[in-house]
Full PDB file with SEQRES, HELIX, SHEET, SSBOND, CRYST1, ORIGX, SCALE, CONECT and MASTER records, all heavy atoms in Angstrom:
SEQRES   1 A   30  GLU PRO TRP SER MET PRO MET PRO ASP THR LEU VAL GLY          
SEQRES   2 A   30  SER LEU VAL ALA ASP ALA PHE ARG ALA GLY GLY LEU LYS          
SEQRES   3 A   30  TYR PRO PRO LYS                                              
HELIX    1 AA1 LEU A   11  ALA A   22  1                                  12    
CRYST1    1.000    1.000    1.000  90.00  90.00  90.00 P 1           1          
ORIGX1      1.000000  0.000000  0.000000        0.00000                         
ORIGX2      0.000000  1.000000  0.000000        0.00000                         
ORIGX3      0.000000  0.000000  1.000000        0.00000                         
SCALE1      1.000000  0.000000  0.000000        0.00000                         
SCALE2      0.000000  1.000000  0.000000        0.00000                         
SCALE3      0.000000  0.000000  1.000000        0.00000                         
ATOM      1  N   GLU A   1       0.827  -1.171   0.025  1.00  0.00           N  
ATOM      2  CA  GLU A   1       0.006  -0.005   0.012  1.00  0.00           C  
ATOM      3  C   GLU A   1       0.890   1.249   0.003  1.00  0.00           C  
ATOM      4  O   GLU A   1       2.028   1.197   0.472  1.00  0.00           O  
ATOM      5  CB  GLU A   1      -0.911   0.002   1.242  1.00  0.00           C  
ATOM      6  CG  GLU A   1      -1.952  -1.076   1.272  1.00  0.00           C  
ATOM      7  CD  GLU A   1      -2.944  -0.963   0.093  1.00  0.00           C  
ATOM      8  OE1 GLU A   1      -3.511   0.137  -0.073  1.00  0.00           O  
ATOM      9  OE2 GLU A   1      -3.114  -1.977  -0.568  1.00  0.00           O  
ATOM     10  N   PRO A   2       0.337   2.373  -0.442  1.00  0.00           N  
ATOM     11  CA  PRO A   2       1.098   3.608  -0.341  1.00  0.00           C  
ATOM     12  C   PRO A   2       1.116   4.051   1.119  1.00  0.00           C  
ATOM     13  O   PRO A   2       0.054   4.079   1.775  1.00  0.00           O  
ATOM     14  CB  PRO A   2       0.368   4.610  -1.193  1.00  0.00           C  
ATOM     15  CG  PRO A   2      -0.992   4.014  -1.491  1.00  0.00           C  
ATOM     16  CD  PRO A   2      -0.878   2.546  -1.229  1.00  0.00           C  
ATOM     17  N   TRP A   3       2.285   4.324   1.684  1.00  0.00           N  
ATOM     18  CA  TRP A   3       2.460   4.678   3.090  1.00  0.00           C  
ATOM     19  C   TRP A   3       2.936   6.142   3.215  1.00  0.00           C  
ATOM     20  O   TRP A   3       3.674   6.658   2.359  1.00  0.00           O  
ATOM     21  CB  TRP A   3       3.590   3.813   3.693  1.00  0.00           C  
ATOM     22  CG  TRP A   3       3.148   2.439   4.087  1.00  0.00           C  
ATOM     23  CD1 TRP A   3       3.124   1.330   3.314  1.00  0.00           C  
ATOM     24  CD2 TRP A   3       2.735   2.045   5.394  1.00  0.00           C  
ATOM     25  NE1 TRP A   3       2.674   0.253   4.030  1.00  0.00           N  
ATOM     26  CE2 TRP A   3       2.436   0.650   5.304  1.00  0.00           C  
ATOM     27  CE3 TRP A   3       2.553   2.708   6.588  1.00  0.00           C  
ATOM     28  CZ2 TRP A   3       2.021  -0.066   6.391  1.00  0.00           C  
ATOM     29  CZ3 TRP A   3       2.112   1.973   7.679  1.00  0.00           C  
ATOM     30  CH2 TRP A   3       1.850   0.579   7.562  1.00  0.00           C  
ATOM     31  N   SER A   4       2.605   6.731   4.336  1.00  0.00           N  
ATOM     32  CA  SER A   4       3.187   7.986   4.747  1.00  0.00           C  
ATOM     33  C   SER A   4       3.825   7.699   6.107  1.00  0.00           C  
ATOM     34  O   SER A   4       3.147   7.305   7.037  1.00  0.00           O  
ATOM     35  CB  SER A   4       2.116   9.059   4.860  1.00  0.00           C  
ATOM     36  OG  SER A   4       2.700  10.293   5.155  1.00  0.00           O  
ATOM     37  N   MET A   5       5.126   7.911   6.201  1.00  0.00           N  
ATOM     38  CA  MET A   5       5.871   7.498   7.379  1.00  0.00           C  
ATOM     39  C   MET A   5       6.783   8.627   7.892  1.00  0.00           C  
ATOM     40  O   MET A   5       7.190   9.479   7.131  1.00  0.00           O  
ATOM     41  CB  MET A   5       6.748   6.288   7.032  1.00  0.00           C  
ATOM     42  CG  MET A   5       6.013   5.045   6.723  1.00  0.00           C  
ATOM     43  SD  MET A   5       7.181   3.722   6.560  1.00  0.00           S  
ATOM     44  CE  MET A   5       6.035   2.350   6.473  1.00  0.00           C  
ATOM     45  N   PRO A   6       7.183   8.477   9.171  1.00  0.00           N  
ATOM     46  CA  PRO A   6       8.168   9.394   9.714  1.00  0.00           C  
ATOM     47  C   PRO A   6       9.519   9.231   9.009  1.00  0.00           C  
ATOM     48  O   PRO A   6       9.816   8.124   8.523  1.00  0.00           O  
ATOM     49  CB  PRO A   6       8.276   9.095  11.215  1.00  0.00           C  
ATOM     50  CG  PRO A   6       7.545   7.788  11.376  1.00  0.00           C  
ATOM     51  CD  PRO A   6       6.734   7.509  10.176  1.00  0.00           C  
ATOM     52  N   MET A   7      10.303  10.258   8.995  1.00  0.00           N  
ATOM     53  CA  MET A   7      11.616  10.182   8.348  1.00  0.00           C  
ATOM     54  C   MET A   7      12.435   9.062   8.966  1.00  0.00           C  
ATOM     55  O   MET A   7      12.403   8.848  10.180  1.00  0.00           O  
ATOM     56  CB  MET A   7      12.372  11.520   8.533  1.00  0.00           C  
ATOM     57  CG  MET A   7      11.673  12.675   7.887  1.00  0.00           C  
ATOM     58  SD  MET A   7      11.556  12.558   6.088  1.00  0.00           S  
ATOM     59  CE  MET A   7      13.288  12.779   5.635  1.00  0.00           C  
ATOM     60  N   PRO A   8      13.165   8.300   8.138  1.00  0.00           N  
ATOM     61  CA  PRO A   8      13.901   7.143   8.610  1.00  0.00           C  
ATOM     62  C   PRO A   8      15.021   7.461   9.635  1.00  0.00           C  
ATOM     63  O   PRO A   8      15.382   6.633  10.418  1.00  0.00           O  
ATOM     64  CB  PRO A   8      14.508   6.507   7.393  1.00  0.00           C  
ATOM     65  CG  PRO A   8      14.123   7.317   6.199  1.00  0.00           C  
ATOM     66  CD  PRO A   8      13.259   8.473   6.709  1.00  0.00           C  
ATOM     67  N   ASP A   9      15.502   8.740   9.599  1.00  0.00           N  
ATOM     68  CA  ASP A   9      16.577   9.079  10.547  1.00  0.00           C  
ATOM     69  C   ASP A   9      16.060   9.613  11.915  1.00  0.00           C  
ATOM     70  O   ASP A   9      16.812  10.048  12.719  1.00  0.00           O  
ATOM     71  CB  ASP A   9      17.542  10.078   9.911  1.00  0.00           C  
ATOM     72  CG  ASP A   9      16.859  11.406   9.554  1.00  0.00           C  
ATOM     73  OD1 ASP A   9      15.614  11.483   9.549  1.00  0.00           O  
ATOM     74  OD2 ASP A   9      17.586  12.353   9.249  1.00  0.00           O  
ATOM     75  N   THR A  10      14.747   9.452  12.109  1.00  0.00           N  
ATOM     76  CA  THR A  10      14.145   9.853  13.397  1.00  0.00           C  
ATOM     77  C   THR A  10      14.022   8.610  14.251  1.00  0.00           C  
ATOM     78  O   THR A  10      14.091   7.473  13.760  1.00  0.00           O  
ATOM     79  CB  THR A  10      12.782  10.483  13.223  1.00  0.00           C  
ATOM     80  OG1 THR A  10      11.858   9.551  12.681  1.00  0.00           O  
ATOM     81  CG2 THR A  10      12.831  11.739  12.346  1.00  0.00           C  
ATOM     82  N   LEU A  11      13.823   8.798  15.569  1.00  0.00           N  
ATOM     83  CA  LEU A  11      13.659   7.650  16.457  1.00  0.00           C  
ATOM     84  C   LEU A  11      12.448   6.810  16.060  1.00  0.00           C  
ATOM     85  O   LEU A  11      12.519   5.613  15.981  1.00  0.00           O  
ATOM     86  CB  LEU A  11      13.546   8.148  17.897  1.00  0.00           C  
ATOM     87  CG  LEU A  11      13.505   7.097  18.970  1.00  0.00           C  
ATOM     88  CD1 LEU A  11      14.645   6.105  18.869  1.00  0.00           C  
ATOM     89  CD2 LEU A  11      13.474   7.729  20.328  1.00  0.00           C  
ATOM     90  N   VAL A  12      11.333   7.444  15.850  1.00  0.00           N  
ATOM     91  CA  VAL A  12      10.097   6.702  15.470  1.00  0.00           C  
ATOM     92  C   VAL A  12      10.313   6.054  14.097  1.00  0.00           C  
ATOM     93  O   VAL A  12       9.892   4.940  13.872  1.00  0.00           O  
ATOM     94  CB  VAL A  12       8.843   7.618  15.460  1.00  0.00           C  
ATOM     95  CG1 VAL A  12       7.630   6.912  14.920  1.00  0.00           C  
ATOM     96  CG2 VAL A  12       8.600   8.157  16.871  1.00  0.00           C  
ATOM     97  N   GLY A  13      10.955   6.748  13.200  1.00  0.00           N  
ATOM     98  CA  GLY A  13      11.256   6.152  11.902  1.00  0.00           C  
ATOM     99  C   GLY A  13      12.049   4.893  11.969  1.00  0.00           C  
ATOM    100  O   GLY A  13      11.809   3.909  11.277  1.00  0.00           O  
ATOM    101  N   SER A  14      13.057   4.886  12.880  1.00  0.00           N  
ATOM    102  CA  SER A  14      13.901   3.688  13.026  1.00  0.00           C  
ATOM    103  C   SER A  14      13.059   2.554  13.683  1.00  0.00           C  
ATOM    104  O   SER A  14      13.240   1.369  13.335  1.00  0.00           O  
ATOM    105  CB  SER A  14      15.148   3.975  13.836  1.00  0.00           C  
ATOM    106  OG  SER A  14      14.828   4.299  15.145  1.00  0.00           O  
ATOM    107  N   LEU A  15      12.140   2.862  14.593  1.00  0.00           N  
ATOM    108  CA  LEU A  15      11.296   1.836  15.187  1.00  0.00           C  
ATOM    109  C   LEU A  15      10.381   1.224  14.128  1.00  0.00           C  
ATOM    110  O   LEU A  15      10.151  -0.004  14.143  1.00  0.00           O  
ATOM    111  CB  LEU A  15      10.477   2.436  16.323  1.00  0.00           C  
ATOM    112  CG  LEU A  15      11.185   2.879  17.559  1.00  0.00           C  
ATOM    113  CD1 LEU A  15      10.257   3.651  18.493  1.00  0.00           C  
ATOM    114  CD2 LEU A  15      11.831   1.700  18.282  1.00  0.00           C  
ATOM    115  N   VAL A  16       9.838   2.044  13.248  1.00  0.00           N  
ATOM    116  CA  VAL A  16       9.000   1.541  12.173  1.00  0.00           C  
ATOM    117  C   VAL A  16       9.768   0.651  11.228  1.00  0.00           C  
ATOM    118  O   VAL A  16       9.336  -0.438  10.802  1.00  0.00           O  
ATOM    119  CB  VAL A  16       8.310   2.699  11.438  1.00  0.00           C  
ATOM    120  CG1 VAL A  16       7.548   2.212  10.184  1.00  0.00           C  
ATOM    121  CG2 VAL A  16       7.370   3.434  12.373  1.00  0.00           C  
ATOM    122  N   ALA A  17      10.985   1.061  10.861  1.00  0.00           N  
ATOM    123  CA  ALA A  17      11.832   0.267  10.007  1.00  0.00           C  
ATOM    124  C   ALA A  17      12.113  -1.077  10.665  1.00  0.00           C  
ATOM    125  O   ALA A  17      12.050  -2.131   9.994  1.00  0.00           O  
ATOM    126  CB  ALA A  17      13.156   1.012   9.746  1.00  0.00           C  
ATOM    127  N   ASP A  18      12.443  -1.086  11.942  1.00  0.00           N  
ATOM    128  CA  ASP A  18      12.680  -2.370  12.674  1.00  0.00           C  
ATOM    129  C   ASP A  18      11.440  -3.240  12.664  1.00  0.00           C  
ATOM    130  O   ASP A  18      11.534  -4.463  12.554  1.00  0.00           O  
ATOM    131  CB  ASP A  18      13.090  -2.045  14.119  1.00  0.00           C  
ATOM    132  CG  ASP A  18      14.483  -1.432  14.206  1.00  0.00           C  
ATOM    133  OD1 ASP A  18      15.243  -1.460  13.209  1.00  0.00           O  
ATOM    134  OD2 ASP A  18      14.802  -0.913  15.270  1.00  0.00           O  
ATOM    135  N   ALA A  19      10.252  -2.647  12.798  1.00  0.00           N  
ATOM    136  CA  ALA A  19       8.991  -3.382  12.784  1.00  0.00           C  
ATOM    137  C   ALA A  19       8.804  -4.082  11.448  1.00  0.00           C  
ATOM    138  O   ALA A  19       8.356  -5.267  11.409  1.00  0.00           O  
ATOM    139  CB  ALA A  19       7.810  -2.474  13.153  1.00  0.00           C  
ATOM    140  N   PHE A  20       9.029  -3.380  10.371  1.00  0.00           N  
ATOM    141  CA  PHE A  20       8.897  -3.986   9.041  1.00  0.00           C  
ATOM    142  C   PHE A  20       9.863  -5.121   8.885  1.00  0.00           C  
ATOM    143  O   PHE A  20       9.505  -6.193   8.410  1.00  0.00           O  
ATOM    144  CB  PHE A  20       9.137  -2.928   7.953  1.00  0.00           C  
ATOM    145  CG  PHE A  20       7.839  -2.270   7.511  1.00  0.00           C  
ATOM    146  CD1 PHE A  20       7.198  -1.304   8.318  1.00  0.00           C  
ATOM    147  CD2 PHE A  20       7.280  -2.553   6.293  1.00  0.00           C  
ATOM    148  CE1 PHE A  20       6.034  -0.726   7.906  1.00  0.00           C  
ATOM    149  CE2 PHE A  20       6.116  -2.002   5.867  1.00  0.00           C  
ATOM    150  CZ  PHE A  20       5.510  -1.053   6.662  1.00  0.00           C  
ATOM    151  N   ARG A  21      11.120  -4.877   9.226  1.00  0.00           N  
ATOM    152  CA  ARG A  21      12.171  -5.908   9.078  1.00  0.00           C  
ATOM    153  C   ARG A  21      11.877  -7.114   9.950  1.00  0.00           C  
ATOM    154  O   ARG A  21      12.089  -8.228   9.536  1.00  0.00           O  
ATOM    155  CB  ARG A  21      13.484  -5.297   9.306  1.00  0.00           C  
ATOM    156  CG  ARG A  21      13.925  -4.311   8.270  1.00  0.00           C  
ATOM    157  CD  ARG A  21      15.328  -3.737   8.513  1.00  0.00           C  
ATOM    158  NE  ARG A  21      15.593  -2.661   7.583  1.00  0.00           N  
ATOM    159  CZ  ARG A  21      15.856  -1.411   7.948  1.00  0.00           C  
ATOM    160  NH1 ARG A  21      15.921  -1.085   9.225  1.00  0.00           N  
ATOM    161  NH2 ARG A  21      16.035  -0.500   7.043  1.00  0.00           N  
ATOM    162  N   ALA A  22      11.393  -6.882  11.181  1.00  0.00           N  
ATOM    163  CA  ALA A  22      11.069  -7.964  12.081  1.00  0.00           C  
ATOM    164  C   ALA A  22       9.947  -8.857  11.505  1.00  0.00           C  
ATOM    165  O   ALA A  22       9.885 -10.064  11.768  1.00  0.00           O  
ATOM    166  CB  ALA A  22      10.663  -7.469  13.449  1.00  0.00           C  
ATOM    167  N   GLY A  23       9.060  -8.255  10.696  1.00  0.00           N  
ATOM    168  CA  GLY A  23       8.009  -8.987  10.072  1.00  0.00           C  
ATOM    169  C   GLY A  23       8.422  -9.597   8.743  1.00  0.00           C  
ATOM    170  O   GLY A  23       7.593 -10.149   7.988  1.00  0.00           O  
ATOM    171  N   GLY A  24       9.743  -9.526   8.410  1.00  0.00           N  
ATOM    172  CA  GLY A  24      10.228 -10.041   7.167  1.00  0.00           C  
ATOM    173  C   GLY A  24       9.824  -9.253   5.944  1.00  0.00           C  
ATOM    174  O   GLY A  24       9.802  -9.711   4.807  1.00  0.00           O  
ATOM    175  N   LEU A  25       9.470  -7.957   6.152  1.00  0.00           N  
ATOM    176  CA  LEU A  25       9.055  -7.100   5.071  1.00  0.00           C  
ATOM    177  C   LEU A  25      10.136  -6.160   4.605  1.00  0.00           C  
ATOM    178  O   LEU A  25      10.984  -5.748   5.341  1.00  0.00           O  
ATOM    179  CB  LEU A  25       7.804  -6.323   5.524  1.00  0.00           C  
ATOM    180  CG  LEU A  25       6.626  -7.108   6.018  1.00  0.00           C  
ATOM    181  CD1 LEU A  25       5.586  -6.207   6.635  1.00  0.00           C  
ATOM    182  CD2 LEU A  25       6.049  -7.955   4.912  1.00  0.00           C  
ATOM    183  N   LYS A  26       9.998  -5.791   3.370  1.00  0.00           N  
ATOM    184  CA  LYS A  26      10.963  -4.845   2.736  1.00  0.00           C  
ATOM    185  C   LYS A  26      10.740  -3.445   3.342  1.00  0.00           C  
ATOM    186  O   LYS A  26       9.578  -3.024   3.540  1.00  0.00           O  
ATOM    187  CB  LYS A  26      10.778  -4.815   1.244  1.00  0.00           C  
ATOM    188  CG  LYS A  26      11.741  -3.855   0.553  1.00  0.00           C  
ATOM    189  CD  LYS A  26      11.455  -3.832  -0.931  1.00  0.00           C  
ATOM    190  CE  LYS A  26      12.377  -2.791  -1.558  1.00  0.00           C  
ATOM    191  NZ  LYS A  26      11.768  -2.132  -2.673  1.00  0.00           N  
ATOM    192  N   TYR A  27      11.817  -2.760   3.653  1.00  0.00           N  
ATOM    193  CA  TYR A  27      11.739  -1.403   4.171  1.00  0.00           C  
ATOM    194  C   TYR A  27      12.769  -0.549   3.380  1.00  0.00           C  
ATOM    195  O   TYR A  27      13.890  -0.967   3.261  1.00  0.00           O  
ATOM    196  CB  TYR A  27      12.009  -1.305   5.681  1.00  0.00           C  
ATOM    197  CG  TYR A  27      11.821   0.099   6.164  1.00  0.00           C  
ATOM    198  CD1 TYR A  27      10.558   0.548   6.510  1.00  0.00           C  
ATOM    199  CD2 TYR A  27      12.876   0.995   6.220  1.00  0.00           C  
ATOM    200  CE1 TYR A  27      10.384   1.848   6.939  1.00  0.00           C  
ATOM    201  CE2 TYR A  27      12.696   2.298   6.640  1.00  0.00           C  
ATOM    202  CZ  TYR A  27      11.454   2.717   6.970  1.00  0.00           C  
ATOM    203  OH  TYR A  27      11.272   4.018   7.398  1.00  0.00           O  
ATOM    204  N   PRO A  28      12.336   0.600   2.933  1.00  0.00           N  
ATOM    205  CA  PRO A  28      11.056   1.139   2.984  1.00  0.00           C  
ATOM    206  C   PRO A  28      10.092   0.466   1.989  1.00  0.00           C  
ATOM    207  O   PRO A  28      10.556  -0.017   0.977  1.00  0.00           O  
ATOM    208  CB  PRO A  28      11.216   2.621   2.600  1.00  0.00           C  
ATOM    209  CG  PRO A  28      12.470   2.640   1.775  1.00  0.00           C  
ATOM    210  CD  PRO A  28      13.324   1.537   2.285  1.00  0.00           C  
ATOM    211  N   PRO A  29       8.822   0.444   2.314  1.00  0.00           N  
ATOM    212  CA  PRO A  29       7.884  -0.186   1.355  1.00  0.00           C  
ATOM    213  C   PRO A  29       7.738   0.638   0.105  1.00  0.00           C  
ATOM    214  O   PRO A  29       8.098   1.849   0.079  1.00  0.00           O  
ATOM    215  CB  PRO A  29       6.558  -0.210   2.146  1.00  0.00           C  
ATOM    216  CG  PRO A  29       6.703   0.828   3.226  1.00  0.00           C  
ATOM    217  CD  PRO A  29       8.173   0.936   3.514  1.00  0.00           C  
ATOM    218  N   LYS A  30       7.288  -0.014  -0.956  1.00  0.00           N  
ATOM    219  CA  LYS A  30       7.074   0.681  -2.218  1.00  0.00           C  
ATOM    220  C   LYS A  30       6.016   1.793  -2.054  1.00  0.00           C  
ATOM    221  O   LYS A  30       5.045   1.646  -1.304  1.00  0.00           O  
ATOM    222  CB  LYS A  30       6.540  -0.376  -3.228  1.00  0.00           C  
ATOM    223  CG  LYS A  30       6.247   0.153  -4.572  1.00  0.00           C  
ATOM    224  CD  LYS A  30       5.779  -0.927  -5.509  1.00  0.00           C  
ATOM    225  CE  LYS A  30       4.348  -1.227  -5.223  1.00  0.00           C  
ATOM    226  NZ  LYS A  30       3.717  -2.154  -6.104  1.00  0.00           N  
TER     227      LYS A  30                                                      
MASTER        0    0    0    1    0    0    0    6  226    1    0    3          
END                                                                             
């Protein structure tokens, strides 16, 4: 899906990236 996310270099952005990777998903999503 199209996502709107916090910047990857922010604390929340890094938590979201970790969540995607922990689920075996590509980050950043398409």
